[in-house]
Amino acid sequence: MTQPIDPLRLEKAQSGDEAALAILIARFMPTIRSLAKRAESPGLDFDDAVQEGYIGLFHAVKTYDPAKGTAFATYATTCIRNSIVTAMRAAGRKKHAPLNSSVPLRESATVPGPEELAILKEQYREAVRGINTKLSGFEKEALLLSLRGQSYSEIAKALSRTPKAVDNALVRVRQKLKPHT
């Protein structure tokens, strides 16, 4: 950013002038795109990172105070960078792993044929056999409550156990049933 930002234009953008804001967006677009390109990662594609850059720029426009002694270009670049980095960190959290590694659903789902239905039924029977023969009573109850969407603490309370005991039981369930999935 070689040229300083016109203070009058910035004031207009802060007061809601869309034309002034559009000029600021155009001025910072190369910075936003550059930072967004470096931030691409699983769960955060380029377009999403650019959107986060816009959010950072809007934040900078709304919160900039010239009395603090910082140039607007410096402040805006920092806000843009922080917004994109925050989005990148959020996208990289383990809680988003299923979304980041998932395969998109097809637009039109096909109805399984008779052969596929027979295979699915056999897999279902095998899974039920595994549940009935390999799991203890506590493990079965914990699995059932977990499948109903209850948290570990809710399951623990319902079964008069500790949340750690529930966690251990569900880990054992996954280990025992893994060959059947």
N, C-alpha and C. Protein backbone atom coordinates (compact mmCIF):
# COMPACT_ATOMS: atom_id res chain seq x y z
N MET A 1 0.83 -1.16 0.00
CA MET A 1 0.00 0.00 0.00
C MET A 1 0.89 1.24 0.00
N THR A 2 1.17 1.77 -1.14
CA THR A 2 2.05 2.93 -1.23
C THR A 2 1.32 4.22 -0.92
N GLN A 3 0.08 4.36 -1.38
CA GLN A 3 -0.67 5.58 -1.15
C GLN A 3 -1.45 5.48 0.15
N PRO A 4 -1.49 6.56 0.92
CA PRO A 4 -2.33 6.53 2.12
C PRO A 4 -3.81 6.60 1.72
N ILE A 5 -4.65 6.13 2.61
CA ILE A 5 -6.09 6.16 2.36
C ILE A 5 -6.60 7.58 2.63
N ASP A 6 -7.45 8.08 1.73
CA ASP A 6 -8.04 9.40 1.88
C ASP A 6 -8.94 9.41 3.12
N PRO A 7 -8.64 10.25 4.11
CA PRO A 7 -9.44 10.27 5.35
C PRO A 7 -10.92 10.58 5.11
N LEU A 8 -11.22 11.43 4.13
CA LEU A 8 -12.62 11.76 3.83
C LEU A 8 -13.36 10.54 3.32
N ARG A 9 -12.70 9.78 2.43
CA ARG A 9 -13.31 8.57 1.90
C ARG A 9 -13.55 7.56 3.03
N LEU A 10 -12.60 7.46 3.93
CA LEU A 10 -12.73 6.54 5.06
C LEU A 10 -13.89 6.95 5.96
N GLU A 11 -14.03 8.26 6.22
CA GLU A 11 -15.15 8.75 7.03
C GLU A 11 -16.48 8.42 6.36
N LYS A 12 -16.53 8.60 5.04
CA LYS A 12 -17.77 8.28 4.31
C LYS A 12 -18.09 6.79 4.41
N ALA A 13 -17.07 5.95 4.28
CA ALA A 13 -17.28 4.50 4.38
C ALA A 13 -17.75 4.14 5.79
N GLN A 14 -17.20 4.79 6.80
CA GLN A 14 -17.60 4.53 8.18
C GLN A 14 -19.04 4.95 8.44
N SER A 15 -19.50 5.96 7.71
CA SER A 15 -20.87 6.42 7.91
C SER A 15 -21.86 5.69 7.00
N GLY A 16 -21.39 4.72 6.24
CA GLY A 16 -22.31 3.89 5.45
C GLY A 16 -22.36 4.19 3.97
N ASP A 17 -21.49 5.03 3.46
CA ASP A 17 -21.47 5.35 2.03
C ASP A 17 -20.93 4.12 1.27
N GLU A 18 -21.82 3.50 0.49
CA GLU A 18 -21.46 2.26 -0.20
C GLU A 18 -20.40 2.48 -1.28
N ALA A 19 -20.43 3.62 -1.93
CA ALA A 19 -19.45 3.91 -2.98
C ALA A 19 -18.05 4.02 -2.37
N ALA A 20 -17.95 4.69 -1.24
CA ALA A 20 -16.66 4.83 -0.56
C ALA A 20 -16.17 3.46 -0.07
N LEU A 21 -17.09 2.67 0.44
CA LEU A 21 -16.73 1.32 0.90
C LEU A 21 -16.27 0.45 -0.28
N ALA A 22 -16.93 0.59 -1.41
CA ALA A 22 -16.55 -0.17 -2.60
C ALA A 22 -15.13 0.19 -3.04
N ILE A 23 -14.78 1.46 -2.94
CA ILE A 23 -13.43 1.89 -3.30
C ILE A 23 -12.41 1.28 -2.35
N LEU A 24 -12.73 1.25 -1.05
CA LEU A 24 -11.82 0.63 -0.08
C LEU A 24 -11.66 -0.86 -0.34
N ILE A 25 -12.77 -1.52 -0.66
CA ILE A 25 -12.71 -2.95 -0.96
C ILE A 25 -11.81 -3.19 -2.17
N ALA A 26 -12.00 -2.39 -3.22
CA ALA A 26 -11.17 -2.54 -4.42
C ALA A 26 -9.70 -2.28 -4.08
N ARG A 27 -9.46 -1.31 -3.22
CA ARG A 27 -8.08 -0.97 -2.84
C ARG A 27 -7.40 -2.11 -2.06
N PHE A 28 -8.17 -2.80 -1.21
CA PHE A 28 -7.60 -3.87 -0.37
C PHE A 28 -7.76 -5.26 -0.98
N MET A 29 -8.40 -5.36 -2.14
CA MET A 29 -8.61 -6.66 -2.75
C MET A 29 -7.31 -7.43 -2.99
N PRO A 30 -6.25 -6.82 -3.51
CA PRO A 30 -5.01 -7.58 -3.68
C PRO A 30 -4.46 -8.13 -2.35
N THR A 31 -4.57 -7.35 -1.29
CA THR A 31 -4.11 -7.81 0.02
C THR A 31 -4.97 -8.98 0.49
N ILE A 32 -6.27 -8.85 0.37
CA ILE A 32 -7.19 -9.92 0.79
C ILE A 32 -6.91 -11.20 0.02
N ARG A 33 -6.78 -11.08 -1.30
CA ARG A 33 -6.55 -12.27 -2.13
C ARG A 33 -5.20 -12.91 -1.81
N SER A 34 -4.19 -12.11 -1.57
CA SER A 34 -2.87 -12.64 -1.24
C SER A 34 -2.91 -13.41 0.08
N LEU A 35 -3.53 -12.82 1.09
CA LEU A 35 -3.61 -13.49 2.39
C LEU A 35 -4.51 -14.74 2.31
N ALA A 36 -5.57 -14.65 1.53
CA ALA A 36 -6.48 -15.79 1.39
C ALA A 36 -5.79 -16.95 0.68
N LYS A 37 -4.98 -16.65 -0.30
CA LYS A 37 -4.27 -17.69 -1.04
C LYS A 37 -3.34 -18.48 -0.11
N ARG A 38 -2.68 -17.77 0.79
CA ARG A 38 -1.76 -18.43 1.74
C ARG A 38 -2.52 -19.20 2.81
N ALA A 39 -3.78 -18.88 3.04
CA ALA A 39 -4.56 -19.51 4.12
C ALA A 39 -5.33 -20.73 3.67
N GLU A 40 -5.33 -21.03 2.37
CA GLU A 40 -6.08 -22.19 1.90
C GLU A 40 -5.63 -23.43 2.65
N SER A 41 -6.60 -24.21 3.14
CA SER A 41 -6.32 -25.42 3.89
C SER A 41 -7.57 -26.29 3.88
N PRO A 42 -7.47 -27.55 4.34
CA PRO A 42 -8.68 -28.37 4.41
C PRO A 42 -9.72 -27.68 5.29
N GLY A 43 -10.90 -27.50 4.75
CA GLY A 43 -11.97 -26.84 5.50
C GLY A 43 -12.05 -25.35 5.24
N LEU A 44 -11.06 -24.77 4.60
CA LEU A 44 -11.09 -23.34 4.28
C LEU A 44 -10.56 -23.16 2.87
N ASP A 45 -11.49 -23.06 1.93
CA ASP A 45 -11.04 -22.86 0.55
C ASP A 45 -10.81 -21.37 0.28
N PHE A 46 -10.31 -21.07 -0.88
CA PHE A 46 -9.91 -19.72 -1.23
C PHE A 46 -11.08 -18.73 -1.09
N ASP A 47 -12.25 -19.10 -1.64
CA ASP A 47 -13.39 -18.18 -1.60
C ASP A 47 -13.83 -17.88 -0.17
N ASP A 48 -13.81 -18.91 0.69
CA ASP A 48 -14.17 -18.69 2.09
C ASP A 48 -13.16 -17.78 2.77
N ALA A 49 -11.90 -17.97 2.47
CA ALA A 49 -10.85 -17.12 3.06
C ALA A 49 -11.01 -15.68 2.58
N VAL A 50 -11.37 -15.48 1.33
CA VAL A 50 -11.62 -14.12 0.81
C VAL A 50 -12.78 -13.49 1.57
N GLN A 51 -13.85 -14.27 1.79
CA GLN A 51 -14.99 -13.75 2.54
C GLN A 51 -14.57 -13.32 3.95
N GLU A 52 -13.73 -14.13 4.57
CA GLU A 52 -13.22 -13.76 5.89
C GLU A 52 -12.39 -12.48 5.82
N GLY A 53 -11.66 -12.30 4.74
CA GLY A 53 -10.91 -11.06 4.54
C GLY A 53 -11.82 -9.86 4.45
N TYR A 54 -12.95 -10.00 3.73
CA TYR A 54 -13.93 -8.92 3.67
C TYR A 54 -14.44 -8.58 5.07
N ILE A 55 -14.73 -9.61 5.84
CA ILE A 55 -15.23 -9.39 7.20
C ILE A 55 -14.19 -8.61 8.01
N GLY A 56 -12.93 -8.99 7.86
CA GLY A 56 -11.87 -8.27 8.56
C GLY A 56 -11.79 -6.81 8.11
N LEU A 57 -11.95 -6.58 6.82
CA LEU A 57 -11.93 -5.20 6.31
C LEU A 57 -13.11 -4.40 6.84
N PHE A 58 -14.30 -4.99 6.85
CA PHE A 58 -15.48 -4.30 7.37
C PHE A 58 -15.28 -3.96 8.85
N HIS A 59 -14.70 -4.89 9.58
CA HIS A 59 -14.40 -4.65 10.99
C HIS A 59 -13.44 -3.46 11.12
N ALA A 60 -12.43 -3.44 10.29
CA ALA A 60 -11.44 -2.35 10.34
C ALA A 60 -12.11 -1.01 10.05
N VAL A 61 -12.99 -0.98 9.06
CA VAL A 61 -13.66 0.28 8.71
C VAL A 61 -14.51 0.75 9.89
N LYS A 62 -15.21 -0.15 10.52
CA LYS A 62 -16.12 0.23 11.61
C LYS A 62 -15.37 0.62 12.89
N THR A 63 -14.24 0.02 13.14
CA THR A 63 -13.57 0.22 14.43
C THR A 63 -12.34 1.12 14.38
N TYR A 64 -11.95 1.56 13.20
CA TYR A 64 -10.73 2.37 13.09
C TYR A 64 -10.89 3.71 13.80
N ASP A 65 -9.87 4.06 14.56
CA ASP A 65 -9.84 5.34 15.28
C ASP A 65 -8.52 6.04 14.94
N PRO A 66 -8.57 7.10 14.15
CA PRO A 66 -7.33 7.77 13.75
C PRO A 66 -6.57 8.37 14.94
N ALA A 67 -7.25 8.60 16.06
CA ALA A 67 -6.59 9.18 17.23
C ALA A 67 -5.58 8.22 17.85
N LYS A 68 -5.66 6.94 17.51
CA LYS A 68 -4.73 5.95 18.06
C LYS A 68 -3.35 6.05 17.42
N GLY A 69 -3.23 6.77 16.31
CA GLY A 69 -1.93 7.01 15.69
C GLY A 69 -1.47 5.96 14.70
N THR A 70 -2.31 5.01 14.35
CA THR A 70 -1.95 3.98 13.38
C THR A 70 -2.57 4.32 12.03
N ALA A 71 -1.81 4.08 10.98
CA ALA A 71 -2.34 4.31 9.63
C ALA A 71 -3.45 3.30 9.36
N PHE A 72 -4.49 3.75 8.63
CA PHE A 72 -5.61 2.85 8.35
C PHE A 72 -5.16 1.62 7.57
N ALA A 73 -4.26 1.80 6.61
CA ALA A 73 -3.82 0.66 5.80
C ALA A 73 -3.19 -0.41 6.69
N THR A 74 -2.40 -0.02 7.66
CA THR A 74 -1.77 -0.97 8.58
C THR A 74 -2.82 -1.65 9.43
N TYR A 75 -3.74 -0.86 9.97
CA TYR A 75 -4.80 -1.40 10.82
C TYR A 75 -5.69 -2.37 10.04
N ALA A 76 -6.08 -1.97 8.83
CA ALA A 76 -6.96 -2.82 8.01
C ALA A 76 -6.26 -4.12 7.63
N THR A 77 -5.01 -4.05 7.25
CA THR A 77 -4.27 -5.27 6.89
C THR A 77 -4.18 -6.22 8.08
N THR A 78 -3.97 -5.68 9.26
CA THR A 78 -3.91 -6.51 10.46
C THR A 78 -5.27 -7.15 10.73
N CYS A 79 -6.34 -6.39 10.62
CA CYS A 79 -7.69 -6.93 10.84
C CYS A 79 -8.02 -8.02 9.82
N ILE A 80 -7.65 -7.80 8.56
CA ILE A 80 -7.89 -8.79 7.51
C ILE A 80 -7.12 -10.07 7.83
N ARG A 81 -5.84 -9.92 8.14
CA ARG A 81 -4.99 -11.08 8.46
C ARG A 81 -5.56 -11.84 9.66
N ASN A 82 -5.93 -11.13 10.71
CA ASN A 82 -6.46 -11.78 11.91
C ASN A 82 -7.75 -12.53 11.63
N SER A 83 -8.60 -11.96 10.82
CA SER A 83 -9.86 -12.61 10.48
C SER A 83 -9.62 -13.90 9.70
N ILE A 84 -8.72 -13.85 8.74
CA ILE A 84 -8.42 -15.04 7.94
C ILE A 84 -7.72 -16.10 8.78
N VAL A 85 -6.79 -15.71 9.62
CA VAL A 85 -6.08 -16.67 10.48
C VAL A 85 -7.05 -17.33 11.45
N THR A 86 -7.98 -16.56 12.01
CA THR A 86 -8.97 -17.13 12.92
C THR A 86 -9.83 -18.16 12.20
N ALA A 87 -10.24 -17.86 10.99
CA ALA A 87 -11.03 -18.82 10.21
C ALA A 87 -10.21 -20.07 9.88
N MET A 88 -8.93 -19.88 9.57
CA MET A 88 -8.07 -21.01 9.25
C MET A 88 -7.92 -21.92 10.49
N ARG A 89 -7.73 -21.33 11.64
CA ARG A 89 -7.61 -22.12 12.88
C ARG A 89 -8.91 -22.86 13.17
N ALA A 90 -10.02 -22.18 13.00
CA ALA A 90 -11.32 -22.81 13.27
C ALA A 90 -11.56 -23.98 12.31
N ALA A 91 -11.19 -23.80 11.05
CA ALA A 91 -11.40 -24.86 10.06
C ALA A 91 -10.50 -26.06 10.33
N GLY A 92 -9.36 -25.82 10.95
CA GLY A 92 -8.41 -26.90 11.21
C GLY A 92 -8.66 -27.67 12.49
N ARG A 93 -9.65 -27.25 13.28
CA ARG A 93 -9.92 -27.96 14.53
C ARG A 93 -10.44 -29.35 14.25
N LYS A 94 -10.15 -30.27 15.15
CA LYS A 94 -10.52 -31.66 14.97
C LYS A 94 -12.02 -31.86 14.87
N LYS A 95 -12.78 -30.95 15.47
CA LYS A 95 -14.23 -31.12 15.42
C LYS A 95 -14.78 -30.97 13.99
N HIS A 96 -13.98 -30.35 13.10
CA HIS A 96 -14.40 -30.19 11.72
C HIS A 96 -13.85 -31.29 10.80
N ALA A 97 -13.11 -32.22 11.34
CA ALA A 97 -12.48 -33.25 10.52
C ALA A 97 -13.48 -34.01 9.66
N PRO A 98 -14.63 -34.42 10.19
CA PRO A 98 -15.58 -35.14 9.32
C PRO A 98 -16.03 -34.30 8.12
N LEU A 99 -16.20 -33.00 8.32
CA LEU A 99 -16.60 -32.14 7.21
C LEU A 99 -15.47 -31.94 6.22
N ASN A 100 -14.26 -31.80 6.75
CA ASN A 100 -13.11 -31.54 5.89
C ASN A 100 -12.74 -32.74 5.02
N SER A 101 -13.05 -33.94 5.49
CA SER A 101 -12.66 -35.13 4.75
C SER A 101 -13.85 -35.84 4.12
N SER A 102 -15.01 -35.23 4.18
CA SER A 102 -16.19 -35.90 3.63
C SER A 102 -16.25 -35.79 2.12
N VAL A 103 -17.03 -36.67 1.54
CA VAL A 103 -17.25 -36.67 0.10
C VAL A 103 -18.65 -36.10 -0.12
N PRO A 104 -18.81 -35.16 -1.03
CA PRO A 104 -20.13 -34.57 -1.24
C PRO A 104 -21.14 -35.62 -1.71
N LEU A 105 -22.38 -35.43 -1.30
CA LEU A 105 -23.44 -36.33 -1.72
C LEU A 105 -23.75 -36.09 -3.19
N ARG A 106 -24.15 -37.15 -3.85
CA ARG A 106 -24.56 -37.00 -5.24
C ARG A 106 -25.89 -36.27 -5.29
N GLU A 107 -26.12 -35.61 -6.39
CA GLU A 107 -27.36 -34.87 -6.54
C GLU A 107 -28.58 -35.79 -6.55
N SER A 108 -28.50 -36.88 -7.28
CA SER A 108 -29.63 -37.79 -7.35
C SER A 108 -29.21 -39.14 -6.77
N ALA A 109 -29.84 -39.49 -5.67
CA ALA A 109 -29.53 -40.77 -5.03
C ALA A 109 -30.22 -41.88 -5.80
N THR A 110 -29.52 -42.96 -5.99
CA THR A 110 -30.11 -44.09 -6.70
C THR A 110 -30.67 -45.09 -5.70
N VAL A 111 -31.71 -45.77 -6.08
CA VAL A 111 -32.31 -46.79 -5.24
C VAL A 111 -31.48 -48.06 -5.39
N PRO A 112 -31.07 -48.67 -4.27
CA PRO A 112 -30.26 -49.87 -4.38
C PRO A 112 -31.04 -51.02 -5.04
N GLY A 113 -30.32 -51.80 -5.81
CA GLY A 113 -30.91 -52.95 -6.46
C GLY A 113 -31.03 -54.11 -5.50
N PRO A 114 -31.60 -55.24 -5.96
CA PRO A 114 -31.80 -56.40 -5.09
C PRO A 114 -30.48 -56.96 -4.52
N GLU A 115 -29.43 -56.94 -5.35
CA GLU A 115 -28.15 -57.47 -4.87
C GLU A 115 -27.60 -56.60 -3.74
N GLU A 116 -27.67 -55.27 -3.95
CA GLU A 116 -27.17 -54.36 -2.93
C GLU A 116 -27.98 -54.47 -1.64
N LEU A 117 -29.30 -54.64 -1.78
CA LEU A 117 -30.14 -54.81 -0.59
C LEU A 117 -29.77 -56.08 0.17
N ALA A 118 -29.50 -57.15 -0.55
CA ALA A 118 -29.12 -58.40 0.10
C ALA A 118 -27.80 -58.24 0.85
N ILE A 119 -26.86 -57.54 0.24
CA ILE A 119 -25.56 -57.30 0.89
C ILE A 119 -25.74 -56.43 2.13
N LEU A 120 -26.55 -55.38 2.01
CA LEU A 120 -26.80 -54.50 3.16
C LEU A 120 -27.48 -55.25 4.30
N LYS A 121 -28.45 -56.11 3.96
CA LYS A 121 -29.13 -56.89 5.00
C LYS A 121 -28.15 -57.82 5.71
N GLU A 122 -27.27 -58.44 4.94
CA GLU A 122 -26.29 -59.34 5.56
C GLU A 122 -25.32 -58.56 6.45
N GLN A 123 -24.90 -57.39 6.01
CA GLN A 123 -24.03 -56.56 6.83
C GLN A 123 -24.75 -56.14 8.12
N TYR A 124 -26.02 -55.84 8.00
CA TYR A 124 -26.81 -55.47 9.18
C TYR A 124 -26.89 -56.64 10.15
N ARG A 125 -27.21 -57.81 9.63
CA ARG A 125 -27.29 -59.01 10.49
C ARG A 125 -25.96 -59.27 11.18
N GLU A 126 -24.89 -59.13 10.46
CA GLU A 126 -23.55 -59.35 11.02
C GLU A 126 -23.25 -58.35 12.13
N ALA A 127 -23.64 -57.10 11.92
CA ALA A 127 -23.42 -56.08 12.95
C ALA A 127 -24.25 -56.38 14.20
N VAL A 128 -25.51 -56.78 14.02
CA VAL A 128 -26.36 -57.13 15.16
C VAL A 128 -25.79 -58.33 15.89
N ARG A 129 -25.32 -59.33 15.15
CA ARG A 129 -24.69 -60.51 15.79
C ARG A 129 -23.48 -60.07 16.62
N GLY A 130 -22.68 -59.18 16.06
CA GLY A 130 -21.51 -58.68 16.78
C GLY A 130 -21.91 -57.95 18.05
N ILE A 131 -22.95 -57.15 17.96
CA ILE A 131 -23.42 -56.42 19.15
C ILE A 131 -23.89 -57.40 20.22
N ASN A 132 -24.65 -58.41 19.80
CA ASN A 132 -25.22 -59.36 20.76
C ASN A 132 -24.18 -60.31 21.35
N THR A 133 -23.15 -60.65 20.59
CA THR A 133 -22.19 -61.64 21.08
C THR A 133 -20.93 -61.04 21.68
N LYS A 134 -20.53 -59.87 21.23
CA LYS A 134 -19.25 -59.32 21.65
C LYS A 134 -19.35 -58.26 22.75
N LEU A 135 -20.51 -57.63 22.90
CA LEU A 135 -20.61 -56.53 23.85
C LEU A 135 -21.22 -56.97 25.17
N SER A 136 -20.72 -56.39 26.24
CA SER A 136 -21.30 -56.64 27.56
C SER A 136 -22.61 -55.86 27.66
N GLY A 137 -23.37 -56.14 28.71
CA GLY A 137 -24.63 -55.45 28.92
C GLY A 137 -24.43 -53.95 29.05
N PHE A 138 -23.42 -53.55 29.82
CA PHE A 138 -23.12 -52.13 30.01
C PHE A 138 -22.74 -51.48 28.69
N GLU A 139 -21.93 -52.17 27.90
CA GLU A 139 -21.51 -51.63 26.61
C GLU A 139 -22.70 -51.46 25.67
N LYS A 140 -23.63 -52.44 25.68
CA LYS A 140 -24.83 -52.34 24.84
C LYS A 140 -25.69 -51.15 25.25
N GLU A 141 -25.89 -50.99 26.57
CA GLU A 141 -26.71 -49.89 27.05
C GLU A 141 -26.06 -48.54 26.73
N ALA A 142 -24.75 -48.45 26.93
CA ALA A 142 -24.04 -47.20 26.62
C ALA A 142 -24.13 -46.89 25.13
N LEU A 143 -23.99 -47.91 24.29
CA LEU A 143 -24.10 -47.72 22.84
C LEU A 143 -25.48 -47.24 22.46
N LEU A 144 -26.50 -47.85 23.00
CA LEU A 144 -27.88 -47.48 22.68
C LEU A 144 -28.16 -46.03 23.07
N LEU A 145 -27.75 -45.64 24.26
CA LEU A 145 -27.98 -44.26 24.71
C LEU A 145 -27.15 -43.27 23.88
N SER A 146 -25.95 -43.69 23.50
CA SER A 146 -25.12 -42.83 22.65
C SER A 146 -25.76 -42.63 21.28
N LEU A 147 -26.31 -43.70 20.74
CA LEU A 147 -26.98 -43.60 19.43
C LEU A 147 -28.24 -42.74 19.50
N ARG A 148 -28.80 -42.61 20.67
CA ARG A 148 -29.97 -41.75 20.87
C ARG A 148 -29.56 -40.28 21.03
N GLY A 149 -28.24 -40.02 21.02
CA GLY A 149 -27.76 -38.65 21.06
C GLY A 149 -27.45 -38.12 22.44
N GLN A 150 -27.40 -38.99 23.43
CA GLN A 150 -27.11 -38.51 24.79
C GLN A 150 -25.62 -38.30 24.96
N SER A 151 -25.27 -37.32 25.80
CA SER A 151 -23.87 -37.03 26.08
C SER A 151 -23.32 -38.07 27.05
N TYR A 152 -21.99 -38.08 27.18
CA TYR A 152 -21.36 -39.03 28.11
C TYR A 152 -21.87 -38.82 29.53
N SER A 153 -22.04 -37.58 29.95
CA SER A 153 -22.51 -37.32 31.32
C SER A 153 -23.96 -37.77 31.50
N GLU A 154 -24.79 -37.61 30.48
CA GLU A 154 -26.17 -38.09 30.56
C GLU A 154 -26.22 -39.61 30.62
N ILE A 155 -25.39 -40.26 29.83
CA ILE A 155 -25.33 -41.72 29.85
C ILE A 155 -24.84 -42.20 31.21
N ALA A 156 -23.81 -41.54 31.73
CA ALA A 156 -23.25 -41.92 33.02
C ALA A 156 -24.31 -41.81 34.11
N LYS A 157 -25.07 -40.76 34.08
CA LYS A 157 -26.12 -40.56 35.09
C LYS A 157 -27.20 -41.63 34.95
N ALA A 158 -27.62 -41.93 33.72
CA ALA A 158 -28.66 -42.91 33.49
C ALA A 158 -28.22 -44.32 33.90
N LEU A 159 -26.94 -44.63 33.77
CA LEU A 159 -26.43 -45.97 34.07
C LEU A 159 -25.71 -46.04 35.42
N SER A 160 -25.75 -44.95 36.16
CA SER A 160 -25.08 -44.87 37.47
C SER A 160 -23.60 -45.21 37.38
N ARG A 161 -22.95 -44.61 36.43
CA ARG A 161 -21.51 -44.79 36.22
C ARG A 161 -20.86 -43.42 36.08
N THR A 162 -19.54 -43.41 35.95
CA THR A 162 -18.83 -42.16 35.74
C THR A 162 -18.73 -41.90 34.23
N PRO A 163 -18.58 -40.64 33.84
CA PRO A 163 -18.39 -40.35 32.41
C PRO A 163 -17.16 -41.06 31.84
N LYS A 164 -16.12 -41.22 32.62
CA LYS A 164 -14.92 -41.92 32.15
C LYS A 164 -15.24 -43.39 31.87
N ALA A 165 -16.06 -44.02 32.72
CA ALA A 165 -16.45 -45.42 32.48
C ALA A 165 -17.24 -45.53 31.19
N VAL A 166 -18.10 -44.55 30.94
CA VAL A 166 -18.87 -44.54 29.69
C VAL A 166 -17.93 -44.37 28.50
N ASP A 167 -17.00 -43.45 28.61
CA ASP A 167 -16.02 -43.24 27.54
C ASP A 167 -15.25 -44.53 27.25
N ASN A 168 -14.77 -45.18 28.30
CA ASN A 168 -14.02 -46.44 28.12
C ASN A 168 -14.89 -47.50 27.46
N ALA A 169 -16.15 -47.59 27.89
CA ALA A 169 -17.06 -48.59 27.31
C ALA A 169 -17.28 -48.33 25.82
N LEU A 170 -17.46 -47.07 25.45
CA LEU A 170 -17.69 -46.76 24.03
C LEU A 170 -16.44 -46.95 23.19
N VAL A 171 -15.26 -46.75 23.79
CA VAL A 171 -14.02 -47.06 23.08
C VAL A 171 -13.95 -48.56 22.82
N ARG A 172 -14.30 -49.36 23.84
CA ARG A 172 -14.29 -50.82 23.66
C ARG A 172 -15.31 -51.24 22.60
N VAL A 173 -16.46 -50.60 22.59
CA VAL A 173 -17.50 -50.91 21.59
C VAL A 173 -16.94 -50.68 20.18
N ARG A 174 -16.28 -49.54 19.98
CA ARG A 174 -15.71 -49.26 18.66
C ARG A 174 -14.66 -50.31 18.27
N GLN A 175 -13.83 -50.68 19.22
CA GLN A 175 -12.79 -51.68 18.94
C GLN A 175 -13.41 -53.03 18.60
N LYS A 176 -14.42 -53.43 19.36
CA LYS A 176 -15.02 -54.74 19.15
C LYS A 176 -15.83 -54.80 17.85
N LEU A 177 -16.45 -53.68 17.48
CA LEU A 177 -17.32 -53.68 16.29
C LEU A 177 -16.61 -53.22 15.03
N LYS A 178 -15.39 -52.77 15.15
CA LYS A 178 -14.66 -52.27 13.97
C LYS A 178 -14.63 -53.27 12.81
N PRO A 179 -14.36 -54.56 13.04
CA PRO A 179 -14.34 -55.50 11.92
C PRO A 179 -15.68 -55.60 11.20
N HIS A 180 -16.77 -55.17 11.84
CA HIS A 180 -18.10 -55.31 11.24
C HIS A 180 -18.54 -54.08 10.48
N THR A 181 -17.69 -53.05 10.44
CA THR A 181 -18.13 -51.84 9.74
C THR A 181 -17.48 -51.73 8.39
